[in-house]
Amino acid sequence: MTNFFHDSLKGRVVLITGGSRGFGWHMAEKLLEGGAKVALTGTRTVEDMADLVAKADSIAGPGHCITIQADVRSWDDCQHTVKETLKTYGRIDVLINNAGRGSKEYRIDYQGGVSTNFWDVPIEAWRSVIDTNLTGVFQMTKAVVPHMIKRKFGKVFSISTSLTTMIGNSLSPYGASKSGLETAHIVWAKELAEHNVDVNILLPGGASDTDFIPQTMVHGVVGTRGDKILPGDVIVPPAVWLCTDETNSLTGRRIIAKFWEHGAEPDKAFEACLQPKHDHPEIM
């Protein structure tokens, strides 16, 4: 297993939306092991997320983790999240936009052959997916970035999905949210370059063993029903490496986690995840 920790992680403040489970908690665990301080948002109450703080204390000792009840669809919640993180830690070095909603919001049957055409998607479900995956990321990033600009340092990266998923049948709400997310990040990366704030996209590279995918895909089993399910922590190595000083000035890039080369030096392992940079991406 490649050692993807780095001295620059010690004391680094990382804000992770949707950090109470799935990719969010997997990333938080390893960042805590590396010496970082984390602020985790979730829609559960702070009291209901007390178990996370207890786990974090057992990993890194007290004072390395706070939880904030917040929904990225709410601008007030995004502002509150930033305020609470700054009050506790004094700064935000990294924002990981991980909170998201998927096809479980509206699909009738994921594996049974019944699909949901776009005209059958409830308007409320469309709004829920778009407002979380796209508008929510915009709002959270908008709330954090002025602080980073002032400090002339910051890292922002958001969790996306595979290109084939973006255009999958019955996936137009989810695909639209993620393709919009990625094009927005291209613009944000250019606009923030002069402020020394890096903006990137990270994705697992396939369906992964988390609660995010439908329950009909059996967790933990690779190859079930012909679908290769990636480990739930597949996102961790490149995510942690993106939080270090070793990736300073890397911006406007698309990074696929499953290509991380375990056993290689972390810079080489990470390089394998980098997708070619296209100045003019094609949508159709």
C-alpha atoms as a PDB file:
ATOM      1  CA  MET A   1       0.000   0.000   0.000  1.00  0.00           C
ATOM      2  CA  THR A   2       1.417   3.369  -1.030  1.00  0.00           C
ATOM      3  CA  ASN A   3       2.029   5.810   1.822  1.00  0.00           C
ATOM      4  CA  PHE A   4       0.019   8.827   0.704  1.00  0.00           C
ATOM      5  CA  PHE A   5       0.542  10.850   3.875  1.00  0.00           C
ATOM      6  CA  HIS A   6       2.680  13.991   3.832  1.00  0.00           C
ATOM      7  CA  ASP A   7       4.000  16.341   6.511  1.00  0.00           C
ATOM      8  CA  SER A   8       1.859  19.187   5.118  1.00  0.00           C
ATOM      9  CA  LEU A   9      -1.269  17.349   6.310  1.00  0.00           C
ATOM     10  CA  LYS A  10      -0.409  18.030   9.932  1.00  0.00           C
ATOM     11  CA  GLY A  11      -2.781  20.739  11.151  1.00  0.00           C
ATOM     12  CA  ARG A  12      -4.353  21.191   7.718  1.00  0.00           C
ATOM     13  CA  VAL A  13      -8.035  22.141   8.037  1.00  0.00           C
ATOM     14  CA  VAL A  14     -10.314  20.207   5.681  1.00  0.00           C
ATOM     15  CA  LEU A  15     -14.046  20.842   5.340  1.00  0.00           C
ATOM     16  CA  ILE A  16     -15.944  17.844   3.945  1.00  0.00           C
ATOM     17  CA  THR A  17     -19.609  18.112   3.025  1.00  0.00           C
ATOM     18  CA  GLY A  18     -21.583  14.909   3.444  1.00  0.00           C
ATOM     19  CA  GLY A  19     -18.775  13.769   5.713  1.00  0.00           C
ATOM     20  CA  SER A  20     -20.753  11.533   8.037  1.00  0.00           C
ATOM     21  CA  ARG A  21     -20.681   8.411   5.863  1.00  0.00           C
ATOM     22  CA  GLY A  22     -19.552   6.870   2.577  1.00  0.00           C
ATOM     23  CA  PHE A  23     -16.738   8.598   0.706  1.00  0.00           C
ATOM     24  CA  GLY A  24     -16.902  11.521   3.127  1.00  0.00           C
ATOM     25  CA  TRP A  25     -16.098   9.490   6.228  1.00  0.00           C
ATOM     26  CA  HIS A  26     -13.548   7.309   4.409  1.00  0.00           C
ATOM     27  CA  MET A  27     -11.641  10.469   3.469  1.00  0.00           C
ATOM     28  CA  ALA A  28     -12.025  11.953   6.947  1.00  0.00           C
ATOM     29  CA  GLU A  29     -10.600   8.849   8.641  1.00  0.00           C
ATOM     30  CA  LYS A  30      -7.391   8.907   6.627  1.00  0.00           C
ATOM     31  CA  LEU A  31      -6.987  12.669   6.879  1.00  0.00           C
ATOM     32  CA  LEU A  32      -7.252  12.370  10.657  1.00  0.00           C
ATOM     33  CA  GLU A  33      -4.619   9.636  10.618  1.00  0.00           C
ATOM     34  CA  GLY A  34      -2.386  12.019   8.680  1.00  0.00           C
ATOM     35  CA  GLY A  35      -2.753  14.775  11.286  1.00  0.00           C
ATOM     36  CA  ALA A  36      -5.391  16.948   9.626  1.00  0.00           C
ATOM     37  CA  LYS A  37      -8.307  18.626  11.339  1.00  0.00           C
ATOM     38  CA  VAL A  38     -11.694  18.005   9.781  1.00  0.00           C
ATOM     39  CA  ALA A  39     -15.090  19.689   9.794  1.00  0.00           C
ATOM     40  CA  LEU A  40     -17.822  17.338   8.644  1.00  0.00           C
ATOM     41  CA  THR A  41     -21.300  18.360   7.523  1.00  0.00           C
ATOM     42  CA  GLY A  42     -24.345  16.129   7.513  1.00  0.00           C
ATOM     43  CA  THR A  43     -28.106  16.443   7.591  1.00  0.00           C
ATOM     44  CA  ARG A  44     -28.265  14.591  10.924  1.00  0.00           C
ATOM     45  CA  THR A  45     -28.188  16.615  14.125  1.00  0.00           C
ATOM     46  CA  VAL A  46     -24.874  17.252  15.852  1.00  0.00           C
ATOM     47  CA  GLU A  47     -26.045  14.981  18.671  1.00  0.00           C
ATOM     48  CA  ASP A  48     -26.733  12.179  16.196  1.00  0.00           C
ATOM     49  CA  MET A  49     -23.245  12.625  14.746  1.00  0.00           C
ATOM     50  CA  ALA A  50     -21.541  12.395  18.156  1.00  0.00           C
ATOM     51  CA  ASP A  51     -20.342   8.907  17.246  1.00  0.00           C
ATOM     52  CA  LEU A  52     -18.208  10.428  14.485  1.00  0.00           C
ATOM     53  CA  VAL A  53     -16.452  12.755  16.901  1.00  0.00           C
ATOM     54  CA  ALA A  54     -15.837   9.801  19.234  1.00  0.00           C
ATOM     55  CA  LYS A  55     -14.310   7.826  16.353  1.00  0.00           C
ATOM     56  CA  ALA A  56     -12.229  10.832  15.334  1.00  0.00           C
ATOM     57  CA  ASP A  57     -10.981  11.283  18.911  1.00  0.00           C
ATOM     58  CA  SER A  58      -9.881   7.649  18.966  1.00  0.00           C
ATOM     59  CA  ILE A  59      -7.933   8.173  15.747  1.00  0.00           C
ATOM     60  CA  ALA A  60      -6.318  11.577  16.261  1.00  0.00           C
ATOM     61  CA  GLY A  61      -7.129  12.697  19.813  1.00  0.00           C
ATOM     62  CA  PRO A  62      -9.586  15.392  20.906  1.00  0.00           C
ATOM     63  CA  GLY A  63      -9.913  18.635  18.981  1.00  0.00           C
ATOM     64  CA  HIS A  64      -9.386  17.273  15.485  1.00  0.00           C
ATOM     65  CA  CYS A  65     -12.999  16.902  14.363  1.00  0.00           C
ATOM     66  CA  ILE A  66     -16.206  18.903  14.502  1.00  0.00           C
ATOM     67  CA  THR A  67     -19.592  18.096  13.013  1.00  0.00           C
ATOM     68  CA  ILE A  68     -22.053  20.631  11.633  1.00  0.00           C
ATOM     69  CA  GLN A  69     -25.659  19.987  10.734  1.00  0.00           C
ATOM     70  CA  ALA A  70     -26.060  21.502   7.291  1.00  0.00           C
ATOM     71  CA  ASP A  71     -27.778  20.997   3.964  1.00  0.00           C
ATOM     72  CA  VAL A  72     -25.780  22.411   1.041  1.00  0.00           C
ATOM     73  CA  ARG A  73     -29.055  23.327  -0.657  1.00  0.00           C
ATOM     74  CA  SER A  74     -29.450  26.046   1.966  1.00  0.00           C
ATOM     75  CA  TRP A  75     -27.322  29.171   1.524  1.00  0.00           C
ATOM     76  CA  ASP A  76     -27.780  29.970   5.215  1.00  0.00           C
ATOM     77  CA  ASP A  77     -26.449  26.514   6.130  1.00  0.00           C
ATOM     78  CA  CYS A  78     -23.410  26.981   3.884  1.00  0.00           C
ATOM     79  CA  GLN A  79     -22.598  30.315   5.507  1.00  0.00           C
ATOM     80  CA  HIS A  80     -23.138  28.804   8.962  1.00  0.00           C
ATOM     81  CA  THR A  81     -20.772  25.941   8.094  1.00  0.00           C
ATOM     82  CA  VAL A  82     -17.984  28.323   7.155  1.00  0.00           C
ATOM     83  CA  LYS A  83     -18.578  30.457  10.250  1.00  0.00           C
ATOM     84  CA  GLU A  84     -18.437  27.439  12.589  1.00  0.00           C
ATOM     85  CA  THR A  85     -15.311  26.025  10.950  1.00  0.00           C
ATOM     86  CA  LEU A  86     -13.485  29.353  11.141  1.00  0.00           C
ATOM     87  CA  LYS A  87     -14.593  29.855  14.731  1.00  0.00           C
ATOM     88  CA  THR A  88     -13.150  26.467  15.691  1.00  0.00           C
ATOM     89  CA  TYR A  89     -10.014  26.218  13.562  1.00  0.00           C
ATOM     90  CA  GLY A  90      -9.343  29.762  12.356  1.00  0.00           C
ATOM     91  CA  ARG A  91      -9.042  28.858   8.696  1.00  0.00           C
ATOM     92  CA  ILE A  92     -10.144  26.499   5.926  1.00  0.00           C
ATOM     93  CA  ASP A  93      -7.351  25.065   3.792  1.00  0.00           C
ATOM     94  CA  VAL A  94      -9.327  22.524   1.765  1.00  0.00           C
ATOM     95  CA  LEU A  95     -12.970  22.180   0.756  1.00  0.00           C
ATOM     96  CA  ILE A  96     -14.141  18.752  -0.404  1.00  0.00           C
ATOM     97  CA  ASN A  97     -17.583  18.965  -1.991  1.00  0.00           C
ATOM     98  CA  ASN A  98     -18.743  15.418  -1.359  1.00  0.00           C
ATOM     99  CA  ALA A  99     -22.446  15.751  -0.463  1.00  0.00           C
ATOM    100  CA  GLY A 100     -24.610  14.446  -3.252  1.00  0.00           C
ATOM    101  CA  ARG A 101     -27.848  12.810  -4.311  1.00  0.00           C
ATOM    102  CA  GLY A 102     -28.236  10.139  -6.959  1.00  0.00           C
ATOM    103  CA  SER A 103     -30.741   8.129  -8.936  1.00  0.00           C
ATOM    104  CA  LYS A 104     -32.293   6.631  -5.807  1.00  0.00           C
ATOM    105  CA  GLU A 105     -34.171   9.937  -5.633  1.00  0.00           C
ATOM    106  CA  TYR A 106     -36.343   8.968  -8.570  1.00  0.00           C
ATOM    107  CA  ARG A 107     -35.556   5.645 -10.268  1.00  0.00           C
ATOM    108  CA  ILE A 108     -38.259   3.003 -10.087  1.00  0.00           C
ATOM    109  CA  ASP A 109     -36.045  -0.096 -10.178  1.00  0.00           C
ATOM    110  CA  TYR A 110     -32.298   0.088 -10.656  1.00  0.00           C
ATOM    111  CA  GLN A 111     -31.647  -3.534 -11.647  1.00  0.00           C
ATOM    112  CA  GLY A 112     -35.045  -4.967 -12.505  1.00  0.00           C
ATOM    113  CA  GLY A 113     -35.296  -3.545 -16.004  1.00  0.00           C
ATOM    114  CA  VAL A 114     -37.745  -0.776 -15.172  1.00  0.00           C
ATOM    115  CA  SER A 115     -36.311   2.642 -15.899  1.00  0.00           C
ATOM    116  CA  THR A 116     -37.452   6.205 -15.371  1.00  0.00           C
ATOM    117  CA  ASN A 117     -37.598   8.273 -18.543  1.00  0.00           C
ATOM    118  CA  PHE A 118     -36.877  11.942 -18.023  1.00  0.00           C
ATOM    119  CA  TRP A 119     -40.526  12.877 -18.566  1.00  0.00           C
ATOM    120  CA  ASP A 120     -41.520  10.587 -15.691  1.00  0.00           C
ATOM    121  CA  VAL A 121     -39.041  12.076 -13.216  1.00  0.00           C
ATOM    122  CA  PRO A 122     -40.921  14.018 -10.504  1.00  0.00           C
ATOM    123  CA  ILE A 123     -40.042  17.702 -10.580  1.00  0.00           C
ATOM    124  CA  GLU A 124     -39.220  17.554  -6.870  1.00  0.00           C
ATOM    125  CA  ALA A 125     -36.688  14.760  -7.508  1.00  0.00           C
ATOM    126  CA  TRP A 126     -35.049  16.709 -10.361  1.00  0.00           C
ATOM    127  CA  ARG A 127     -34.715  19.757  -8.142  1.00  0.00           C
ATOM    128  CA  SER A 128     -33.350  17.712  -5.247  1.00  0.00           C
ATOM    129  CA  VAL A 129     -30.554  16.240  -7.393  1.00  0.00           C
ATOM    130  CA  ILE A 130     -29.656  19.480  -9.185  1.00  0.00           C
ATOM    131  CA  ASP A 131     -29.924  21.626  -6.051  1.00  0.00           C
ATOM    132  CA  THR A 132     -27.609  19.294  -4.114  1.00  0.00           C
ATOM    133  CA  ASN A 133     -25.053  18.221  -6.711  1.00  0.00           C
ATOM    134  CA  LEU A 134     -24.710  21.485  -8.621  1.00  0.00           C
ATOM    135  CA  THR A 135     -26.271  24.454  -6.846  1.00  0.00           C
ATOM    136  CA  GLY A 136     -25.204  23.104  -3.454  1.00  0.00           C
ATOM    137  CA  VAL A 137     -21.583  22.819  -4.567  1.00  0.00           C
ATOM    138  CA  PHE A 138     -21.744  26.339  -5.984  1.00  0.00           C
ATOM    139  CA  GLN A 139     -23.142  27.696  -2.719  1.00  0.00           C
ATOM    140  CA  MET A 140     -20.639  25.912  -0.492  1.00  0.00           C
ATOM    141  CA  THR A 141     -17.708  26.944  -2.687  1.00  0.00           C
ATOM    142  CA  LYS A 142     -19.010  30.521  -2.898  1.00  0.00           C
ATOM    143  CA  ALA A 143     -19.151  30.625   0.908  1.00  0.00           C
ATOM    144  CA  VAL A 144     -15.596  29.294   1.365  1.00  0.00           C
ATOM    145  CA  VAL A 145     -13.645  30.876  -1.485  1.00  0.00           C
ATOM    146  CA  PRO A 146     -13.544  34.517  -0.256  1.00  0.00           C
ATOM    147  CA  HIS A 147     -11.663  33.270   2.830  1.00  0.00           C
ATOM    148  CA  MET A 148      -9.186  31.388   0.616  1.00  0.00           C
ATOM    149  CA  ILE A 149      -8.721  34.375  -1.688  1.00  0.00           C
ATOM    150  CA  LYS A 150      -7.912  36.549   1.296  1.00  0.00           C
ATOM    151  CA  ARG A 151      -5.258  34.061   2.453  1.00  0.00           C
ATOM    152  CA  LYS A 152      -3.946  33.519  -1.096  1.00  0.00           C
ATOM    153  CA  PHE A 153      -4.159  29.788  -0.550  1.00  0.00           C
ATOM    154  CA  GLY A 154      -6.775  27.091  -0.852  1.00  0.00           C
ATOM    155  CA  LYS A 155      -7.812  23.827  -2.433  1.00  0.00           C
ATOM    156  CA  VAL A 156     -11.280  22.895  -3.653  1.00  0.00           C
ATOM    157  CA  PHE A 157     -12.233  19.601  -5.185  1.00  0.00           C
ATOM    158  CA  SER A 158     -15.594  18.016  -5.844  1.00  0.00           C
ATOM    159  CA  ILE A 159     -16.732  14.444  -6.330  1.00  0.00           C
ATOM    160  CA  SER A 160     -18.076  13.649  -9.795  1.00  0.00           C
ATOM    161  CA  THR A 161     -18.950  10.554 -11.818  1.00  0.00           C
ATOM    162  CA  SER A 162     -17.894   8.682 -14.939  1.00  0.00           C
ATOM    163  CA  LEU A 163     -18.665  10.112 -18.369  1.00  0.00           C
ATOM    164  CA  THR A 164     -20.648   7.010 -19.316  1.00  0.00           C
ATOM    165  CA  THR A 165     -22.808   7.469 -16.218  1.00  0.00           C
ATOM    166  CA  MET A 166     -23.516  11.070 -17.169  1.00  0.00           C
ATOM    167  CA  ILE A 167     -25.261   9.958 -20.341  1.00  0.00           C
ATOM    168  CA  GLY A 168     -26.841   6.746 -19.072  1.00  0.00           C
ATOM    169  CA  ASN A 169     -30.513   6.093 -19.714  1.00  0.00           C
ATOM    170  CA  SER A 170     -32.684   7.220 -16.803  1.00  0.00           C
ATOM    171  CA  LEU A 171     -29.796   9.256 -15.421  1.00  0.00           C
ATOM    172  CA  SER A 172     -30.458  12.670 -16.946  1.00  0.00           C
ATOM    173  CA  PRO A 173     -30.974  14.471 -13.587  1.00  0.00           C
ATOM    174  CA  TYR A 174     -27.813  12.976 -12.101  1.00  0.00           C
ATOM    175  CA  GLY A 175     -25.790  13.236 -15.311  1.00  0.00           C
ATOM    176  CA  ALA A 176     -26.833  16.834 -15.882  1.00  0.00           C
ATOM    177  CA  SER A 177     -25.824  17.756 -12.346  1.00  0.00           C
ATOM    178  CA  LYS A 178     -22.362  16.234 -12.702  1.00  0.00           C
ATOM    179  CA  SER A 179     -21.615  17.472 -16.219  1.00  0.00           C
ATOM    180  CA  GLY A 180     -22.665  20.935 -15.086  1.00  0.00           C
ATOM    181  CA  LEU A 181     -20.445  20.564 -12.047  1.00  0.00           C
ATOM    182  CA  GLU A 182     -17.412  19.710 -14.150  1.00  0.00           C
ATOM    183  CA  THR A 183     -17.863  22.544 -16.631  1.00  0.00           C
ATOM    184  CA  ALA A 184     -18.321  24.981 -13.738  1.00  0.00           C
ATOM    185  CA  HIS A 185     -15.043  23.758 -12.242  1.00  0.00           C
ATOM    186  CA  ILE A 186     -13.179  24.491 -15.474  1.00  0.00           C
ATOM    187  CA  VAL A 187     -14.299  28.110 -15.189  1.00  0.00           C
ATOM    188  CA  TRP A 188     -13.670  28.340 -11.433  1.00  0.00           C
ATOM    189  CA  ALA A 189     -10.145  26.988 -11.854  1.00  0.00           C
ATOM    190  CA  LYS A 190      -9.328  29.735 -14.373  1.00  0.00           C
ATOM    191  CA  GLU A 191     -10.917  32.479 -12.300  1.00  0.00           C
ATOM    192  CA  LEU A 192      -9.132  31.430  -9.091  1.00  0.00           C
ATOM    193  CA  ALA A 193      -5.682  30.701 -10.565  1.00  0.00           C
ATOM    194  CA  GLU A 194      -4.354  34.184  -9.798  1.00  0.00           C
ATOM    195  CA  HIS A 195      -5.472  33.791  -6.177  1.00  0.00           C
ATOM    196  CA  ASN A 196      -3.502  30.564  -5.634  1.00  0.00           C
ATOM    197  CA  VAL A 197      -6.687  28.536  -5.102  1.00  0.00           C
ATOM    198  CA  ASP A 198      -6.748  25.157  -6.854  1.00  0.00           C
ATOM    199  CA  VAL A 199      -9.989  23.661  -8.193  1.00  0.00           C
ATOM    200  CA  ASN A 200     -10.227  20.040  -9.341  1.00  0.00           C
ATOM    201  CA  ILE A 201     -12.637  17.171  -9.978  1.00  0.00           C
ATOM    202  CA  LEU A 202     -12.237  13.728  -8.374  1.00  0.00           C
ATOM    203  CA  LEU A 203     -14.281  10.647  -9.179  1.00  0.00           C
ATOM    204  CA  PRO A 204     -14.038   6.967  -8.237  1.00  0.00           C
ATOM    205  CA  GLY A 205     -14.177   5.591 -11.787  1.00  0.00           C
ATOM    206  CA  GLY A 206     -17.181   3.322 -11.326  1.00  0.00           C
ATOM    207  CA  ALA A 207     -19.906   2.201  -8.927  1.00  0.00           C
ATOM    208  CA  SER A 208     -18.418   1.953  -5.453  1.00  0.00           C
ATOM    209  CA  ASP A 209     -19.343   0.098  -2.288  1.00  0.00           C
ATOM    210  CA  THR A 210     -21.140   2.893  -0.437  1.00  0.00           C
ATOM    211  CA  ASP A 211     -24.732   3.619   0.583  1.00  0.00           C
ATOM    212  CA  PHE A 212     -24.942   6.007  -2.362  1.00  0.00           C
ATOM    213  CA  ILE A 213     -25.623   3.224  -4.860  1.00  0.00           C
ATOM    214  CA  PRO A 214     -28.975   1.382  -4.840  1.00  0.00           C
ATOM    215  CA  GLN A 215     -29.337  -1.429  -2.323  1.00  0.00           C
ATOM    216  CA  THR A 216     -30.054  -3.922  -5.127  1.00  0.00           C
ATOM    217  CA  MET A 217     -26.353  -3.789  -5.972  1.00  0.00           C
ATOM    218  CA  VAL A 218     -24.991  -6.103  -3.288  1.00  0.00           C
ATOM    219  CA  HIS A 219     -22.362  -4.268  -1.259  1.00  0.00           C
ATOM    220  CA  GLY A 220     -18.899  -5.664  -0.962  1.00  0.00           C
ATOM    221  CA  VAL A 221     -19.237  -8.133  -3.824  1.00  0.00           C
ATOM    222  CA  VAL A 222     -17.223  -7.488  -6.959  1.00  0.00           C
ATOM    223  CA  GLY A 223     -18.836  -8.708 -10.151  1.00  0.00           C
ATOM    224  CA  THR A 224     -22.395  -8.987  -8.854  1.00  0.00           C
ATOM    225  CA  ARG A 225     -24.851  -9.096 -11.761  1.00  0.00           C
ATOM    226  CA  GLY A 226     -21.966  -8.302 -14.086  1.00  0.00           C
ATOM    227  CA  ASP A 227     -21.267  -4.955 -12.398  1.00  0.00           C
ATOM    228  CA  LYS A 228     -17.797  -4.449 -10.963  1.00  0.00           C
ATOM    229  CA  ILE A 229     -18.180  -2.630  -7.677  1.00  0.00           C
ATOM    230  CA  LEU A 230     -15.122  -0.712  -6.539  1.00  0.00           C
ATOM    231  CA  PRO A 231     -14.084  -0.677  -2.866  1.00  0.00           C
ATOM    232  CA  GLY A 232     -15.825   1.996  -0.785  1.00  0.00           C
ATOM    233  CA  ASP A 233     -12.477   3.620   0.037  1.00  0.00           C
ATOM    234  CA  VAL A 234     -11.241   3.769  -3.574  1.00  0.00           C
ATOM    235  CA  ILE A 235     -11.442   7.564  -3.440  1.00  0.00           C
ATOM    236  CA  VAL A 236      -9.113   7.911  -0.455  1.00  0.00           C
ATOM    237  CA  PRO A 237      -5.507   7.873  -1.794  1.00  0.00           C
ATOM    238  CA  PRO A 238      -5.867  10.615  -4.439  1.00  0.00           C
ATOM    239  CA  ALA A 239      -8.208  12.594  -2.163  1.00  0.00           C
ATOM    240  CA  VAL A 240      -5.647  12.687   0.643  1.00  0.00           C
ATOM    241  CA  TRP A 241      -2.837  13.505  -1.790  1.00  0.00           C
ATOM    242  CA  LEU A 242      -4.883  16.392  -3.205  1.00  0.00           C
ATOM    243  CA  CYS A 243      -4.947  17.895   0.305  1.00  0.00           C
ATOM    244  CA  THR A 244      -1.140  18.042   0.541  1.00  0.00           C
ATOM    245  CA  ASP A 245       1.328  20.680  -0.627  1.00  0.00           C
ATOM    246  CA  GLU A 246       2.585  18.189  -3.199  1.00  0.00           C
ATOM    247  CA  THR A 247      -0.365  19.107  -5.418  1.00  0.00           C
ATOM    248  CA  ASN A 248      -0.138  22.889  -4.990  1.00  0.00           C
ATOM    249  CA  SER A 249      -0.858  24.694  -8.289  1.00  0.00           C
ATOM    250  CA  LEU A 250      -2.462  21.600  -9.819  1.00  0.00           C
ATOM    251  CA  THR A 251      -5.776  22.996 -10.999  1.00  0.00           C
ATOM    252  CA  GLY A 252      -8.494  22.458 -13.569  1.00  0.00           C
ATOM    253  CA  ARG A 253      -7.882  18.714 -13.692  1.00  0.00           C
ATOM    254  CA  ARG A 254     -10.045  15.599 -13.724  1.00  0.00           C
ATOM    255  CA  ILE A 255      -8.752  12.794 -11.505  1.00  0.00           C
ATOM    256  CA  ILE A 256      -9.975   9.168 -11.579  1.00  0.00           C
ATOM    257  CA  ALA A 257      -9.279   7.375  -8.304  1.00  0.00           C
ATOM    258  CA  LYS A 258      -9.327   3.772  -9.524  1.00  0.00           C
ATOM    259  CA  PHE A 259      -6.165   4.366 -11.557  1.00  0.00           C
ATOM    260  CA  TRP A 260      -4.075   5.080  -8.431  1.00  0.00           C
ATOM    261  CA  GLU A 261      -1.038   2.797  -8.734  1.00  0.00           C
ATOM    262  CA  HIS A 262      -0.690   1.088  -5.366  1.00  0.00           C
ATOM    263  CA  GLY A 263       2.935   0.345  -4.573  1.00  0.00           C
ATOM    264  CA  ALA A 264       4.295   3.293  -6.553  1.00  0.00           C
ATOM    265  CA  GLU A 265       5.588   6.487  -4.980  1.00  0.00           C
ATOM    266  CA  PRO A 266       2.597   8.734  -4.242  1.00  0.00           C
ATOM    267  CA  ASP A 267       3.460  11.354  -6.850  1.00  0.00           C
ATOM    268  CA  LYS A 268       3.683   8.642  -9.525  1.00  0.00           C
ATOM    269  CA  ALA A 269       0.592   6.842  -8.193  1.00  0.00           C
ATOM    270  CA  PHE A 270      -1.349  10.103  -8.379  1.00  0.00           C
ATOM    271  CA  GLU A 271      -0.051  10.954 -11.823  1.00  0.00           C
ATOM    272  CA  ALA A 272      -1.662   7.765 -13.135  1.00  0.00           C
ATOM    273  CA  CYS A 273      -5.057   9.145 -12.045  1.00  0.00           C
ATOM    274  CA  LEU A 274      -4.760  12.401 -13.996  1.00  0.00           C
ATOM    275  CA  GLN A 275      -6.865  12.551 -17.115  1.00  0.00           C
ATOM    276  CA  PRO A 276      -5.598  14.420 -20.191  1.00  0.00           C
ATOM    277  CA  LYS A 277      -6.354  18.115 -20.047  1.00  0.00           C
ATOM    278  CA  HIS A 278      -8.696  19.303 -22.826  1.00  0.00           C
ATOM    279  CA  ASP A 279      -8.873  23.017 -23.472  1.00  0.00           C
ATOM    280  CA  HIS A 280     -12.168  22.548 -25.303  1.00  0.00           C
ATOM    281  CA  PRO A 281     -14.173  19.645 -23.820  1.00  0.00           C
ATOM    282  CA  GLU A 282     -16.862  18.082 -25.961  1.00  0.00           C
ATOM    283  CA  ILE A 283     -20.371  17.680 -24.585  1.00  0.00           C
ATOM    284  CA  MET A 284     -22.032  16.227 -27.696  1.00  0.00           C
END
